[in-house]
Amino acid sequence: MNQPQSILTCYQLFWTRLFDFKGRSTRKEFWHPLWMNAVIMVLLSFIISERASYIFSFLIFIPNLTVMTRRLHDVNRSMFLAIVFNLSSYITLVLFFLLLLVPTGVVTHPFGESLLVITVFTGGIALVFLLFYTLFAMIMKGNSEPNHYGDGGTAALTQTSKTIET
């Protein structure tokens, strides 16, 4: 049913649609760049340094957000989930980092350590639920018909395969 999409084509689309929040992206257009970027980050970390990996992760933040948004559009979800997921991930990381600094005495809180621990724990649980919901949305097959966000993504692949069959 689906027209084959090569790994390199999907990765090229990841970079050419760098600031494109409109439209839709297929599962392959989302997952291929995701795992390729993970491999690149591991290689950078081992070959050059962890700092190079951090810089690369900073560089792919916007393209990751845009492709996630387009993937959500393909399953008829809004950009709001992508923004909430990314922001909550970074906020939780910052709070976790602060929690690590509490025993050193660098960070003190007027209400004590327990409030920070509860906040990080609650945020972590909320983030896990959000992660599973987002993961489910990223795995779902996209709408085969045009939706509110356009006729690209899975709908375009379905239309192409129908044209080829006739």
Protein backbone atom coordinates (compact mmCIF):
# COMPACT_ATOMS: atom_id res chain seq x y z
CA MET A 1 0.00 0.00 0.00
CA ASN A 2 2.76 2.45 0.83
CA GLN A 3 5.21 3.65 -1.73
CA PRO A 4 8.73 2.95 -0.44
CA GLN A 5 10.46 5.89 1.20
CA SER A 6 14.20 5.53 1.46
CA ILE A 7 16.03 6.27 4.68
CA LEU A 8 18.14 8.96 3.03
CA THR A 9 15.09 10.62 1.45
CA CYS A 10 13.44 10.80 4.87
CA TYR A 11 16.59 12.24 6.42
CA GLN A 12 16.90 14.78 3.62
CA LEU A 13 13.27 15.84 4.23
CA PHE A 14 14.11 16.21 7.92
CA TRP A 15 16.63 18.94 7.05
CA THR A 16 14.89 20.54 4.04
CA ARG A 17 11.66 21.01 6.01
CA LEU A 18 13.64 22.46 8.93
CA PHE A 19 11.17 25.24 9.83
CA ASP A 20 8.04 23.74 8.24
CA PHE A 21 5.37 23.31 10.92
CA LYS A 22 2.59 22.96 8.34
CA GLY A 23 1.56 19.81 6.58
CA ARG A 24 2.01 16.17 7.48
CA SER A 25 4.80 13.59 7.76
CA THR A 26 4.63 9.81 7.57
CA ARG A 27 5.89 7.43 10.22
CA LYS A 28 9.06 6.82 8.21
CA GLU A 29 9.67 10.56 7.86
CA PHE A 30 9.58 10.76 11.67
CA TRP A 31 11.31 7.53 12.79
CA HIS A 32 14.20 7.34 10.27
CA PRO A 33 15.68 10.75 11.23
CA LEU A 34 15.10 9.96 14.90
CA TRP A 35 17.21 6.80 14.93
CA MET A 36 19.78 8.27 12.52
CA ASN A 37 20.26 11.27 14.82
CA ALA A 38 20.61 8.95 17.81
CA VAL A 39 23.37 7.03 16.00
CA ILE A 40 25.10 10.29 15.02
CA MET A 41 24.97 11.50 18.63
CA VAL A 42 26.48 8.25 19.94
CA LEU A 43 29.23 8.39 17.31
CA LEU A 44 29.97 12.05 18.08
CA SER A 45 30.11 11.22 21.76
CA PHE A 46 32.61 8.39 21.27
CA ILE A 47 34.70 9.80 18.40
CA ILE A 48 34.88 13.50 19.25
CA SER A 49 33.43 14.30 22.69
CA GLU A 50 30.21 14.46 24.64
CA ARG A 51 30.21 18.20 24.08
CA ALA A 52 29.94 17.62 20.31
CA SER A 53 26.97 15.37 20.97
CA TYR A 54 25.33 18.09 23.09
CA ILE A 55 25.89 20.67 20.36
CA PHE A 56 24.36 18.35 17.76
CA SER A 57 21.38 17.71 20.02
CA PHE A 58 20.91 21.48 20.34
CA LEU A 59 21.10 21.86 16.53
CA ILE A 60 18.40 19.26 15.89
CA PHE A 61 15.95 20.62 18.48
CA ILE A 62 13.90 22.70 15.98
CA PRO A 63 13.90 20.05 13.20
CA ASN A 64 12.81 17.44 15.76
CA LEU A 65 10.00 19.70 16.92
CA THR A 66 8.83 20.38 13.36
CA VAL A 67 8.87 16.74 12.24
CA MET A 68 7.08 15.73 15.46
CA THR A 69 4.46 18.41 14.76
CA ARG A 70 3.95 17.21 11.19
CA ARG A 71 3.74 13.59 12.39
CA LEU A 72 1.06 14.60 14.90
CA HIS A 73 -0.76 16.40 12.08
CA ASP A 74 -0.76 13.12 10.13
CA VAL A 75 -2.73 11.46 12.95
CA ASN A 76 -4.95 14.57 13.22
CA ARG A 77 -3.42 15.92 16.45
CA SER A 78 -2.29 19.48 17.05
CA MET A 79 1.16 20.97 17.55
CA PHE A 80 0.27 21.58 21.20
CA LEU A 81 1.28 18.03 22.19
CA ALA A 82 4.73 18.44 20.60
CA ILE A 83 5.32 21.72 22.43
CA VAL A 84 4.11 20.39 25.79
CA PHE A 85 6.16 17.21 25.41
CA ASN A 86 9.39 19.04 24.54
CA LEU A 87 8.99 21.76 27.18
CA SER A 88 8.06 19.30 29.92
CA SER A 89 11.06 17.15 29.04
CA TYR A 90 13.45 20.08 29.47
CA ILE A 91 11.74 21.36 32.62
CA THR A 92 11.95 17.90 34.19
CA LEU A 93 15.65 17.68 33.29
CA VAL A 94 16.33 21.06 34.89
CA LEU A 95 14.41 20.08 38.04
CA PHE A 96 16.25 16.76 38.19
CA PHE A 97 19.57 18.61 37.85
CA LEU A 98 18.54 20.92 40.70
CA LEU A 99 17.61 17.88 42.78
CA LEU A 100 21.12 16.53 42.26
CA LEU A 101 22.56 19.83 43.50
CA VAL A 102 20.49 19.89 46.73
CA PRO A 103 22.75 17.51 48.71
CA THR A 104 25.78 19.62 47.82
CA GLY A 105 24.22 22.71 49.37
CA VAL A 106 24.47 24.69 46.12
CA VAL A 107 20.68 24.86 45.86
CA THR A 108 18.56 25.59 48.89
CA HIS A 109 14.81 25.95 48.99
CA PRO A 110 12.84 27.82 51.69
CA PHE A 111 10.35 24.94 51.96
CA GLY A 112 13.08 22.33 52.20
CA GLU A 113 14.24 19.51 49.99
CA SER A 114 10.98 17.56 50.21
CA LEU A 115 9.06 20.01 48.01
CA LEU A 116 11.70 19.77 45.30
CA VAL A 117 11.69 15.97 45.51
CA ILE A 118 7.89 15.84 45.28
CA THR A 119 7.91 18.27 42.35
CA VAL A 120 10.50 16.26 40.42
CA PHE A 121 8.74 12.98 41.21
CA THR A 122 5.32 14.30 40.16
CA GLY A 123 6.75 15.89 37.04
CA GLY A 124 8.53 12.65 36.20
CA ILE A 125 5.33 10.62 36.49
CA ALA A 126 3.42 13.13 34.37
CA LEU A 127 6.23 13.04 31.81
CA VAL A 128 6.08 9.23 31.63
CA PHE A 129 2.34 9.33 30.89
CA LEU A 130 2.90 12.07 28.31
CA LEU A 131 5.73 10.03 26.79
CA PHE A 132 3.51 6.97 26.36
CA TYR A 133 0.68 9.01 24.83
CA THR A 134 3.08 10.76 22.45
CA LEU A 135 4.77 7.47 21.54
CA PHE A 136 1.36 5.97 20.80
CA ALA A 137 0.52 8.93 18.54
CA MET A 138 3.87 8.63 16.72
CA ILE A 139 3.33 4.89 16.09
CA MET A 140 -0.28 5.19 14.91
CA LYS A 141 -0.97 4.93 11.21
CA GLY A 142 -1.81 8.33 9.79
CA ASN A 143 -5.14 9.29 8.29
CA SER A 144 -5.37 7.92 4.76
CA GLU A 145 -7.74 10.72 3.82
CA PRO A 146 -6.96 14.43 3.83
CA ASN A 147 -7.56 15.93 7.27
CA HIS A 148 -7.57 19.36 8.89
CA TYR A 149 -3.79 19.65 8.34
CA GLY A 150 -3.69 18.87 4.63
CA ASP A 151 -3.42 15.97 2.25
CA GLY A 152 0.27 15.10 2.66
CA GLY A 153 1.84 12.37 4.77
CA THR A 154 -0.02 9.07 4.76
CA ALA A 155 -2.82 10.50 2.60
CA ALA A 156 -0.32 11.36 -0.15
CA LEU A 157 1.19 7.86 0.02
CA THR A 158 -2.28 6.30 -0.17
CA GLN A 159 -3.23 8.47 -3.16
CA THR A 160 0.05 7.60 -4.90
CA SER A 161 -0.47 3.88 -4.38
CA LYS A 162 -4.07 4.11 -5.67
CA THR A 163 -2.82 5.90 -8.78
CA ILE A 164 -0.15 3.25 -9.37
CA GLU A 165 -2.70 0.41 -8.99
CA THR A 166 -5.02 1.84 -11.68
